[in-house]
Amino acid sequence: MFNQKRLKKWIAIIGLVLLIVLAVAQFIQPGFSNPAINETETLEASINVPAAVSGILERSCIDCHSNRTRYPWYSRISPVSWFMYNHIQEGRRELNFSIWGTYSPKRKAKKLEEICEQVKGKEMPLPSYTWLHRDAALSDEEISTLCNWSNSEKMLIETTIN
C-alpha cells in the first residue's frame, strides 16, 4: 500500500512537470515565414509547367519546397512546430521551386531527375506529410505525369549543357 501511494505521487509530480514544460514550450516558437518571392526566379517562370503538373506540385510539393508554405493551425503548437519548421527548412534547402531560376542548368537537370526518382520510389511526398494531408498522396497516374514532365524538361536542359 505504501509503495502504491508513493508511486501515484511520483506519477502526479512527473505529469505536472511535463505539463509545465509543455506549457512553457508554447512560448518558444520557430520563426515561421515565407521569404519574398522574385517571380522571375520561380519554376513556372523558368520552364514549361503544364496545368496538370502545376496542380500536382501545388497539392503535394509546394508546402515544403517553396516560399509559399501554407501553415496549418497545428504548426503553432510545440513541439510539433519545431518538427515542422525543421522539415520545411530542410525541404527548401533540398529543392525550392521559388528560386528555381537561380539554379545552374546542371543542378536543374539533377533536380528534375530526382523528382521522378523520389515520387516513383514513394519517398516523396513524405509519408508523415501524406498522413495528415491525404490529398497530397500521389496516384500512379500522377507519378507518371510528373515523371514524363520532369524527364522531358531534363532532356531539354541537357541539350543546353552539352
N, C-alpha and C. Protein backbone atom coordinates (compact mmCIF):
# COMPACT_ATOMS: atom_id res chain seq x y z
N MET A 1 0.83 -1.19 0.00
CA MET A 1 0.00 0.00 0.00
C MET A 1 0.87 1.25 0.00
N PHE A 2 1.91 1.23 0.83
CA PHE A 2 2.80 2.39 0.92
C PHE A 2 3.47 2.68 -0.42
N ASN A 3 3.95 1.64 -1.08
CA ASN A 3 4.62 1.80 -2.37
C ASN A 3 3.67 2.32 -3.44
N GLN A 4 2.41 1.90 -3.37
CA GLN A 4 1.43 2.33 -4.36
C GLN A 4 1.13 3.82 -4.21
N LYS A 5 1.02 4.31 -2.98
CA LYS A 5 0.79 5.74 -2.74
C LYS A 5 1.98 6.55 -3.23
N ARG A 6 3.15 6.04 -2.95
CA ARG A 6 4.38 6.73 -3.36
C ARG A 6 4.49 6.79 -4.89
N LEU A 7 4.14 5.68 -5.54
CA LEU A 7 4.17 5.61 -6.99
C LEU A 7 3.19 6.61 -7.60
N LYS A 8 1.99 6.68 -7.05
CA LYS A 8 0.98 7.62 -7.55
C LYS A 8 1.46 9.06 -7.39
N LYS A 9 2.12 9.33 -6.27
CA LYS A 9 2.64 10.68 -6.02
C LYS A 9 3.70 11.04 -7.07
N TRP A 10 4.61 10.10 -7.35
CA TRP A 10 5.66 10.35 -8.35
C TRP A 10 5.07 10.53 -9.75
N ILE A 11 4.09 9.73 -10.07
CA ILE A 11 3.44 9.87 -11.38
C ILE A 11 2.78 11.24 -11.49
N ALA A 12 2.14 11.69 -10.43
CA ALA A 12 1.50 13.00 -10.43
C ALA A 12 2.54 14.11 -10.58
N ILE A 13 3.66 13.99 -9.89
CA ILE A 13 4.72 15.00 -9.97
C ILE A 13 5.30 15.04 -11.39
N ILE A 14 5.60 13.87 -11.93
CA ILE A 14 6.15 13.80 -13.29
C ILE A 14 5.15 14.38 -14.29
N GLY A 15 3.88 14.04 -14.14
CA GLY A 15 2.84 14.57 -15.02
C GLY A 15 2.75 16.08 -14.95
N LEU A 16 2.84 16.63 -13.75
CA LEU A 16 2.79 18.08 -13.57
C LEU A 16 4.00 18.75 -14.20
N VAL A 17 5.17 18.17 -14.00
CA VAL A 17 6.40 18.73 -14.60
C VAL A 17 6.29 18.71 -16.12
N LEU A 18 5.82 17.61 -16.68
CA LEU A 18 5.66 17.53 -18.14
C LEU A 18 4.66 18.56 -18.65
N LEU A 19 3.59 18.75 -17.92
CA LEU A 19 2.59 19.75 -18.30
C LEU A 19 3.17 21.16 -18.27
N ILE A 20 3.97 21.46 -17.27
CA ILE A 20 4.61 22.78 -17.17
C ILE A 20 5.61 22.97 -18.32
N VAL A 21 6.40 21.94 -18.59
CA VAL A 21 7.37 22.02 -19.70
C VAL A 21 6.65 22.25 -21.02
N LEU A 22 5.57 21.54 -21.24
CA LEU A 22 4.78 21.71 -22.47
C LEU A 22 4.19 23.11 -22.56
N ALA A 23 3.71 23.64 -21.45
CA ALA A 23 3.15 25.00 -21.43
C ALA A 23 4.22 26.03 -21.74
N VAL A 24 5.39 25.90 -21.13
CA VAL A 24 6.49 26.84 -21.39
C VAL A 24 6.95 26.73 -22.84
N ALA A 25 6.94 25.52 -23.38
CA ALA A 25 7.38 25.31 -24.77
C ALA A 25 6.51 26.07 -25.76
N GLN A 26 5.28 26.37 -25.40
CA GLN A 26 4.40 27.11 -26.32
C GLN A 26 4.92 28.52 -26.58
N PHE A 27 5.73 29.04 -25.69
CA PHE A 27 6.29 30.38 -25.85
C PHE A 27 7.58 30.38 -26.66
N ILE A 28 8.08 29.20 -26.97
CA ILE A 28 9.32 29.08 -27.75
C ILE A 28 8.93 28.56 -29.13
N GLN A 29 8.72 29.47 -30.06
CA GLN A 29 8.27 29.11 -31.40
C GLN A 29 9.36 29.44 -32.43
N PRO A 30 9.49 28.60 -33.44
CA PRO A 30 10.45 28.90 -34.51
C PRO A 30 9.95 30.07 -35.35
N GLY A 31 10.82 30.62 -36.14
CA GLY A 31 10.47 31.78 -36.97
C GLY A 31 9.82 31.39 -38.27
N PHE A 32 8.57 30.99 -38.22
CA PHE A 32 7.85 30.64 -39.44
C PHE A 32 7.73 31.86 -40.33
N SER A 33 8.07 31.68 -41.59
CA SER A 33 7.91 32.78 -42.54
C SER A 33 7.94 32.22 -43.95
N ASN A 34 7.51 33.04 -44.85
CA ASN A 34 7.65 32.74 -46.27
C ASN A 34 8.49 33.86 -46.85
N PRO A 35 9.75 33.58 -47.17
CA PRO A 35 10.60 34.62 -47.75
C PRO A 35 9.97 35.20 -49.02
N ALA A 36 10.34 36.42 -49.32
CA ALA A 36 9.82 37.09 -50.52
C ALA A 36 10.16 36.27 -51.76
N ILE A 37 9.28 36.34 -52.72
CA ILE A 37 9.47 35.59 -53.97
C ILE A 37 9.70 36.57 -55.11
N ASN A 38 10.77 36.32 -55.84
CA ASN A 38 11.03 37.05 -57.08
C ASN A 38 10.39 36.21 -58.19
N GLU A 39 9.28 36.67 -58.72
CA GLU A 39 8.51 35.88 -59.69
C GLU A 39 9.32 35.47 -60.92
N THR A 40 10.39 36.18 -61.22
CA THR A 40 11.21 35.82 -62.39
C THR A 40 12.12 34.62 -62.10
N GLU A 41 12.23 34.22 -60.83
CA GLU A 41 13.09 33.09 -60.45
C GLU A 41 12.32 31.80 -60.18
N THR A 42 11.01 31.83 -60.28
CA THR A 42 10.20 30.66 -59.94
C THR A 42 10.30 29.58 -61.01
N LEU A 43 9.89 28.39 -60.65
CA LEU A 43 9.87 27.27 -61.58
C LEU A 43 9.05 27.62 -62.81
N GLU A 44 7.86 28.18 -62.59
CA GLU A 44 6.95 28.49 -63.68
C GLU A 44 7.53 29.53 -64.64
N ALA A 45 8.36 30.42 -64.13
CA ALA A 45 8.97 31.44 -64.98
C ALA A 45 10.16 30.89 -65.76
N SER A 46 10.69 29.76 -65.32
CA SER A 46 11.92 29.22 -65.91
C SER A 46 11.70 28.10 -66.92
N ILE A 47 10.71 27.26 -66.68
CA ILE A 47 10.46 26.13 -67.59
C ILE A 47 8.97 25.95 -67.80
N ASN A 48 8.63 25.13 -68.78
CA ASN A 48 7.23 24.85 -69.08
C ASN A 48 6.64 23.93 -67.99
N VAL A 49 5.57 24.41 -67.36
CA VAL A 49 4.89 23.61 -66.34
C VAL A 49 3.42 23.51 -66.75
N PRO A 50 3.02 22.39 -67.37
CA PRO A 50 1.62 22.23 -67.77
C PRO A 50 0.68 22.31 -66.57
N ALA A 51 -0.57 22.64 -66.82
CA ALA A 51 -1.56 22.80 -65.74
C ALA A 51 -1.67 21.55 -64.88
N ALA A 52 -1.65 20.37 -65.50
CA ALA A 52 -1.77 19.12 -64.73
C ALA A 52 -0.61 18.97 -63.75
N VAL A 53 0.59 19.28 -64.21
CA VAL A 53 1.79 19.19 -63.37
C VAL A 53 1.73 20.25 -62.28
N SER A 54 1.36 21.45 -62.65
CA SER A 54 1.26 22.54 -61.68
C SER A 54 0.29 22.19 -60.54
N GLY A 55 -0.82 21.58 -60.89
CA GLY A 55 -1.80 21.16 -59.88
C GLY A 55 -1.24 20.13 -58.92
N ILE A 56 -0.50 19.18 -59.46
CA ILE A 56 0.12 18.14 -58.62
C ILE A 56 1.16 18.76 -57.69
N LEU A 57 2.02 19.61 -58.25
CA LEU A 57 3.06 20.26 -57.44
C LEU A 57 2.43 21.11 -56.34
N GLU A 58 1.39 21.84 -56.70
CA GLU A 58 0.70 22.72 -55.73
C GLU A 58 0.14 21.91 -54.57
N ARG A 59 -0.49 20.80 -54.88
CA ARG A 59 -1.16 19.99 -53.87
C ARG A 59 -0.19 19.15 -53.03
N SER A 60 0.91 18.70 -53.64
CA SER A 60 1.75 17.70 -52.97
C SER A 60 3.16 18.15 -52.64
N CYS A 61 3.63 19.27 -53.18
CA CYS A 61 5.04 19.62 -53.04
C CYS A 61 5.32 21.03 -52.51
N ILE A 62 4.49 21.97 -52.89
CA ILE A 62 4.76 23.39 -52.66
C ILE A 62 4.92 23.75 -51.17
N ASP A 63 4.16 23.11 -50.29
CA ASP A 63 4.24 23.48 -48.87
C ASP A 63 5.64 23.32 -48.29
N CYS A 64 6.39 22.35 -48.74
CA CYS A 64 7.74 22.14 -48.21
C CYS A 64 8.85 22.58 -49.15
N HIS A 65 8.53 22.73 -50.42
CA HIS A 65 9.56 23.00 -51.43
C HIS A 65 9.36 24.33 -52.14
N SER A 66 8.92 25.34 -51.41
CA SER A 66 8.79 26.68 -51.98
C SER A 66 8.72 27.69 -50.84
N ASN A 67 8.65 28.94 -51.22
CA ASN A 67 8.47 30.01 -50.23
C ASN A 67 6.99 30.40 -50.14
N ARG A 68 6.11 29.45 -50.48
CA ARG A 68 4.67 29.67 -50.41
C ARG A 68 4.01 28.65 -49.48
N THR A 69 4.63 28.36 -48.39
CA THR A 69 4.12 27.38 -47.44
C THR A 69 2.82 27.86 -46.81
N ARG A 70 1.84 26.97 -46.76
CA ARG A 70 0.58 27.25 -46.05
C ARG A 70 0.69 26.54 -44.70
N TYR A 71 0.81 27.33 -43.66
CA TYR A 71 0.99 26.75 -42.33
C TYR A 71 -0.35 26.40 -41.71
N PRO A 72 -0.58 25.14 -41.36
CA PRO A 72 -1.85 24.75 -40.72
C PRO A 72 -1.89 25.19 -39.26
N TRP A 73 -3.05 25.12 -38.66
CA TRP A 73 -3.24 25.58 -37.28
C TRP A 73 -2.29 24.87 -36.32
N TYR A 74 -2.04 23.60 -36.52
CA TYR A 74 -1.22 22.84 -35.58
C TYR A 74 0.27 23.17 -35.69
N SER A 75 0.64 23.99 -36.67
CA SER A 75 2.05 24.38 -36.80
C SER A 75 2.47 25.35 -35.70
N ARG A 76 1.53 25.83 -34.92
CA ARG A 76 1.84 26.76 -33.83
C ARG A 76 1.85 26.08 -32.46
N ILE A 77 1.78 24.76 -32.46
CA ILE A 77 1.77 24.01 -31.20
C ILE A 77 3.12 23.31 -31.04
N SER A 78 3.84 23.65 -30.00
CA SER A 78 5.12 23.00 -29.72
C SER A 78 4.85 21.64 -29.08
N PRO A 79 5.62 20.65 -29.35
CA PRO A 79 6.84 20.59 -30.13
C PRO A 79 6.61 20.32 -31.62
N VAL A 80 5.34 20.19 -32.06
CA VAL A 80 5.05 19.97 -33.48
C VAL A 80 5.65 21.08 -34.33
N SER A 81 5.58 22.31 -33.83
CA SER A 81 6.08 23.46 -34.59
C SER A 81 7.58 23.32 -34.88
N TRP A 82 8.33 22.79 -33.95
CA TRP A 82 9.77 22.64 -34.16
C TRP A 82 10.04 21.61 -35.26
N PHE A 83 9.32 20.50 -35.20
CA PHE A 83 9.47 19.47 -36.22
C PHE A 83 9.12 20.02 -37.60
N MET A 84 7.99 20.72 -37.70
CA MET A 84 7.56 21.27 -38.99
C MET A 84 8.55 22.30 -39.51
N TYR A 85 9.02 23.16 -38.64
CA TYR A 85 9.96 24.20 -39.06
C TYR A 85 11.22 23.56 -39.66
N ASN A 86 11.78 22.60 -38.95
CA ASN A 86 12.99 21.92 -39.45
C ASN A 86 12.72 21.17 -40.75
N HIS A 87 11.58 20.54 -40.82
CA HIS A 87 11.21 19.79 -42.02
C HIS A 87 11.09 20.73 -43.23
N ILE A 88 10.43 21.86 -43.06
CA ILE A 88 10.25 22.81 -44.16
C ILE A 88 11.58 23.43 -44.56
N GLN A 89 12.41 23.79 -43.59
CA GLN A 89 13.72 24.37 -43.92
C GLN A 89 14.57 23.37 -44.70
N GLU A 90 14.53 22.12 -44.29
CA GLU A 90 15.29 21.08 -44.99
C GLU A 90 14.74 20.89 -46.41
N GLY A 91 13.42 20.89 -46.54
CA GLY A 91 12.80 20.75 -47.86
C GLY A 91 13.19 21.88 -48.79
N ARG A 92 13.19 23.10 -48.27
CA ARG A 92 13.57 24.26 -49.09
C ARG A 92 15.04 24.20 -49.48
N ARG A 93 15.89 23.74 -48.57
CA ARG A 93 17.32 23.62 -48.89
C ARG A 93 17.55 22.60 -50.00
N GLU A 94 16.81 21.52 -49.95
CA GLU A 94 16.98 20.44 -50.92
C GLU A 94 16.44 20.83 -52.30
N LEU A 95 15.27 21.45 -52.33
CA LEU A 95 14.62 21.84 -53.59
C LEU A 95 13.64 22.96 -53.28
N ASN A 96 13.85 24.11 -53.91
CA ASN A 96 12.96 25.25 -53.69
C ASN A 96 12.48 25.77 -55.04
N PHE A 97 11.21 25.51 -55.35
CA PHE A 97 10.65 25.93 -56.62
C PHE A 97 10.57 27.45 -56.74
N SER A 98 10.63 28.17 -55.64
CA SER A 98 10.57 29.63 -55.67
C SER A 98 11.87 30.26 -56.16
N ILE A 99 12.98 29.52 -56.07
CA ILE A 99 14.27 30.06 -56.53
C ILE A 99 14.87 29.20 -57.64
N TRP A 100 14.02 28.46 -58.32
CA TRP A 100 14.46 27.56 -59.39
C TRP A 100 15.34 28.26 -60.41
N GLY A 101 15.00 29.48 -60.76
CA GLY A 101 15.75 30.23 -61.76
C GLY A 101 17.19 30.53 -61.37
N THR A 102 17.51 30.42 -60.09
CA THR A 102 18.88 30.67 -59.63
C THR A 102 19.76 29.42 -59.73
N TYR A 103 19.15 28.27 -59.98
CA TYR A 103 19.91 27.02 -60.09
C TYR A 103 20.66 26.98 -61.42
N SER A 104 21.82 26.35 -61.42
CA SER A 104 22.57 26.15 -62.66
C SER A 104 21.82 25.12 -63.52
N PRO A 105 22.05 25.12 -64.82
CA PRO A 105 21.40 24.11 -65.67
C PRO A 105 21.69 22.68 -65.20
N LYS A 106 22.91 22.43 -64.76
CA LYS A 106 23.28 21.09 -64.28
C LYS A 106 22.46 20.71 -63.03
N ARG A 107 22.30 21.67 -62.12
CA ARG A 107 21.52 21.40 -60.91
C ARG A 107 20.05 21.21 -61.25
N LYS A 108 19.52 22.00 -62.17
CA LYS A 108 18.12 21.83 -62.59
C LYS A 108 17.89 20.43 -63.15
N ALA A 109 18.80 19.99 -64.01
CA ALA A 109 18.67 18.66 -64.60
C ALA A 109 18.69 17.58 -63.52
N LYS A 110 19.58 17.73 -62.55
CA LYS A 110 19.68 16.76 -61.45
C LYS A 110 18.41 16.76 -60.61
N LYS A 111 17.88 17.94 -60.31
CA LYS A 111 16.66 18.04 -59.50
C LYS A 111 15.47 17.43 -60.24
N LEU A 112 15.37 17.65 -61.54
CA LEU A 112 14.29 17.06 -62.32
C LEU A 112 14.39 15.53 -62.30
N GLU A 113 15.60 15.02 -62.39
CA GLU A 113 15.82 13.57 -62.31
C GLU A 113 15.40 13.05 -60.93
N GLU A 114 15.77 13.78 -59.89
CA GLU A 114 15.44 13.36 -58.52
C GLU A 114 13.94 13.42 -58.25
N ILE A 115 13.25 14.37 -58.87
CA ILE A 115 11.79 14.45 -58.69
C ILE A 115 11.17 13.12 -59.10
N CYS A 116 11.52 12.65 -60.29
CA CYS A 116 10.95 11.39 -60.77
C CYS A 116 11.38 10.22 -59.89
N GLU A 117 12.65 10.15 -59.57
CA GLU A 117 13.15 9.04 -58.74
C GLU A 117 12.42 8.97 -57.41
N GLN A 118 12.23 10.13 -56.78
CA GLN A 118 11.65 10.13 -55.44
C GLN A 118 10.15 9.86 -55.43
N VAL A 119 9.43 10.36 -56.42
CA VAL A 119 8.00 10.05 -56.44
C VAL A 119 7.77 8.60 -56.87
N LYS A 120 8.59 8.10 -57.78
CA LYS A 120 8.48 6.68 -58.18
C LYS A 120 8.79 5.76 -57.01
N GLY A 121 9.79 6.13 -56.21
CA GLY A 121 10.17 5.34 -55.05
C GLY A 121 9.29 5.57 -53.84
N LYS A 122 8.24 6.38 -54.00
CA LYS A 122 7.29 6.71 -52.91
C LYS A 122 7.99 7.38 -51.72
N GLU A 123 9.14 8.02 -52.01
CA GLU A 123 9.86 8.75 -50.97
C GLU A 123 9.26 10.14 -50.77
N MET A 124 8.65 10.66 -51.82
CA MET A 124 8.01 11.96 -51.79
C MET A 124 6.62 11.84 -52.39
N PRO A 125 5.66 12.58 -51.86
CA PRO A 125 5.73 13.32 -50.61
C PRO A 125 5.95 12.37 -49.44
N LEU A 126 6.54 12.92 -48.41
CA LEU A 126 6.87 12.11 -47.23
C LEU A 126 5.61 11.47 -46.63
N PRO A 127 5.72 10.23 -46.18
CA PRO A 127 4.58 9.59 -45.52
C PRO A 127 4.05 10.39 -44.33
N SER A 128 4.93 11.06 -43.59
CA SER A 128 4.48 11.87 -42.45
C SER A 128 3.63 13.05 -42.91
N TYR A 129 3.86 13.52 -44.14
CA TYR A 129 3.06 14.61 -44.70
C TYR A 129 1.72 14.09 -45.22
N THR A 130 1.76 12.99 -45.96
CA THR A 130 0.51 12.47 -46.53
C THR A 130 -0.40 11.86 -45.46
N TRP A 131 0.17 11.51 -44.31
CA TRP A 131 -0.66 11.02 -43.21
C TRP A 131 -1.62 12.10 -42.75
N LEU A 132 -1.15 13.35 -42.71
CA LEU A 132 -2.00 14.46 -42.30
C LEU A 132 -2.69 15.14 -43.48
N HIS A 133 -2.12 15.01 -44.66
CA HIS A 133 -2.65 15.66 -45.87
C HIS A 133 -2.92 14.56 -46.90
N ARG A 134 -3.98 13.84 -46.70
CA ARG A 134 -4.30 12.68 -47.54
C ARG A 134 -4.38 13.05 -49.03
N ASP A 135 -4.85 14.26 -49.32
CA ASP A 135 -4.98 14.68 -50.72
C ASP A 135 -3.63 14.89 -51.40
N ALA A 136 -2.55 14.93 -50.63
CA ALA A 136 -1.21 15.11 -51.20
C ALA A 136 -0.62 13.81 -51.73
N ALA A 137 -1.19 12.68 -51.35
CA ALA A 137 -0.69 11.39 -51.84
C ALA A 137 -0.86 11.33 -53.35
N LEU A 138 0.11 10.75 -54.02
CA LEU A 138 0.11 10.69 -55.48
C LEU A 138 -0.40 9.35 -55.99
N SER A 139 -1.26 9.42 -56.99
CA SER A 139 -1.72 8.20 -57.66
C SER A 139 -0.64 7.77 -58.66
N ASP A 140 -0.75 6.55 -59.16
CA ASP A 140 0.20 6.07 -60.16
C ASP A 140 0.17 6.95 -61.41
N GLU A 141 -1.02 7.41 -61.76
CA GLU A 141 -1.16 8.29 -62.94
C GLU A 141 -0.45 9.62 -62.70
N GLU A 142 -0.57 10.17 -61.51
CA GLU A 142 0.10 11.44 -61.20
C GLU A 142 1.62 11.27 -61.17
N ILE A 143 2.08 10.15 -60.67
CA ILE A 143 3.52 9.86 -60.67
C ILE A 143 4.01 9.80 -62.11
N SER A 144 3.26 9.13 -62.96
CA SER A 144 3.62 9.04 -64.37
C SER A 144 3.64 10.42 -65.02
N THR A 145 2.65 11.25 -64.71
CA THR A 145 2.59 12.61 -65.25
C THR A 145 3.82 13.41 -64.82
N LEU A 146 4.16 13.35 -63.54
CA LEU A 146 5.34 14.07 -63.04
C LEU A 146 6.62 13.56 -63.69
N CYS A 147 6.75 12.25 -63.80
CA CYS A 147 7.97 11.67 -64.39
C CYS A 147 8.10 12.01 -65.87
N ASN A 148 7.00 11.92 -66.60
CA ASN A 148 7.05 12.28 -68.03
C ASN A 148 7.46 13.74 -68.20
N TRP A 149 6.88 14.62 -67.39
CA TRP A 149 7.21 16.04 -67.45
C TRP A 149 8.66 16.29 -67.05
N SER A 150 9.07 15.74 -65.91
CA SER A 150 10.43 16.01 -65.42
C SER A 150 11.49 15.44 -66.37
N ASN A 151 11.24 14.26 -66.91
CA ASN A 151 12.20 13.68 -67.87
C ASN A 151 12.28 14.51 -69.15
N SER A 152 11.14 14.98 -69.61
CA SER A 152 11.11 15.81 -70.82
C SER A 152 11.86 17.12 -70.61
N GLU A 153 11.60 17.79 -69.48
CA GLU A 153 12.28 19.06 -69.18
C GLU A 153 13.77 18.84 -68.94
N LYS A 154 14.10 17.72 -68.32
CA LYS A 154 15.52 17.39 -68.08
C LYS A 154 16.25 17.24 -69.41
N MET A 155 15.64 16.56 -70.36
CA MET A 155 16.26 16.38 -71.67
C MET A 155 16.46 17.72 -72.38
N LEU A 156 15.49 18.62 -72.26
CA LEU A 156 15.63 19.95 -72.87
C LEU A 156 16.81 20.71 -72.26
N ILE A 157 16.92 20.63 -70.94
CA ILE A 157 18.01 21.33 -70.25
C ILE A 157 19.36 20.72 -70.64
N GLU A 158 19.41 19.40 -70.70
CA GLU A 158 20.67 18.73 -71.03
C GLU A 158 21.17 19.08 -72.43
N THR A 159 20.28 19.40 -73.34
CA THR A 159 20.73 19.81 -74.68
C THR A 159 21.45 21.15 -74.62
N THR A 160 21.14 21.98 -73.63
CA THR A 160 21.84 23.26 -73.50
C THR A 160 23.17 23.10 -72.77
N ILE A 161 23.29 22.05 -71.96
CA ILE A 161 24.52 21.80 -71.21
C ILE A 161 25.60 21.24 -72.14
N ASN A 162 25.21 20.30 -72.97
CA ASN A 162 26.18 19.58 -73.82
C ASN A 162 26.53 20.33 -75.05
